[in-house]
Protein backbone atom coordinates (compact mmCIF):
# COMPACT_ATOMS: atom_id res chain seq x y z
CA MET A 1 -0.14 0.09 0.04
CA VAL A 2 1.05 3.47 -0.63
CA GLN A 3 -0.61 6.93 0.96
CA LYS A 4 -0.37 10.31 0.27
CA VAL A 5 0.04 13.25 2.28
CA SER A 6 -1.93 16.32 2.22
CA GLU A 7 -2.04 19.30 4.52
CA VAL A 8 -5.12 21.39 5.33
CA VAL A 9 -6.10 23.79 7.68
CA GLY A 10 -9.57 23.83 9.32
CA THR A 11 -11.09 26.65 11.05
CA SER A 12 -14.30 27.26 13.56
CA THR A 13 -15.41 29.34 16.02
CA SER A 14 -16.35 26.91 18.80
CA GLY A 15 -13.05 25.35 19.16
CA PHE A 16 -9.64 23.23 18.35
CA ALA A 17 -11.72 19.87 17.73
CA LYS A 18 -14.30 21.34 15.72
CA ALA A 19 -11.51 22.89 13.60
CA ALA A 20 -10.19 19.46 13.02
CA GLU A 21 -13.37 18.04 12.32
CA ASN A 22 -14.09 20.72 9.59
CA ALA A 23 -10.65 20.20 7.97
CA VAL A 24 -11.19 16.07 7.66
CA GLU A 25 -14.72 15.91 6.46
CA THR A 26 -14.23 19.31 3.72
CA ALA A 27 -11.24 17.10 2.80
CA ALA A 28 -12.79 14.12 2.56
CA LYS A 29 -14.89 15.40 -0.10
CA THR A 30 -12.38 16.23 -2.57
CA VAL A 31 -10.08 13.12 -1.70
CA ARG A 32 -10.85 9.12 -1.91
CA SER A 33 -10.16 7.03 0.55
CA PRO A 34 -8.77 9.09 3.43
CA ARG A 35 -7.37 6.46 5.77
CA TRP A 36 -6.34 8.67 9.16
CA PHE A 37 -5.46 12.43 10.14
CA ARG A 38 -2.57 13.81 12.21
CA VAL A 39 -2.64 17.33 14.01
CA THR A 40 0.41 19.13 13.34
CA GLU A 41 -0.25 22.98 14.71
CA LEU A 42 -3.11 24.64 16.79
CA GLU A 43 -3.53 28.60 15.96
CA GLY A 44 -6.13 31.13 17.06
CA LYS A 45 -7.03 34.56 15.91
CA VAL A 46 -7.33 36.95 18.64
CA GLU A 47 -9.59 40.03 18.54
CA ASN A 48 -10.85 42.86 21.28
CA GLN A 49 -8.80 40.38 24.08
CA ARG A 50 -11.28 37.27 23.44
CA VAL A 51 -10.68 34.03 21.18
CA LYS A 52 -12.54 34.73 17.94
CA GLU A 53 -11.32 31.61 15.66
CA TYR A 54 -9.56 28.34 16.23
CA HIS A 55 -7.42 26.97 13.14
CA ALA A 56 -5.99 23.64 12.85
CA THR A 57 -3.80 22.32 10.63
CA VAL A 58 -4.22 18.80 9.95
CA LYS A 59 -2.07 16.05 7.41
CA ILE A 60 -4.67 13.74 5.65
CA TYR A 61 -3.33 10.30 4.71
CA PHE A 62 -5.19 8.42 1.73
CA ASP A 63 -4.67 5.29 -0.36
CA LEU A 64 -3.12 5.81 -3.42
CA GLU A 65 -5.05 3.40 -6.19
């Protein structure tokens, strides 16, 4: 088996877990056979002394046919 890796960034206003989930679900619409993922980086946006947005950088591994 050979796998390819794509790196994507998901965003959410409700948390890091949802940002990662958004990244995986969106990528799954454009690649076939996603198998697993790894969150490699977490970041956030701050506005007016409050967390405004969460970002999760995710590597998604999928099989090559």
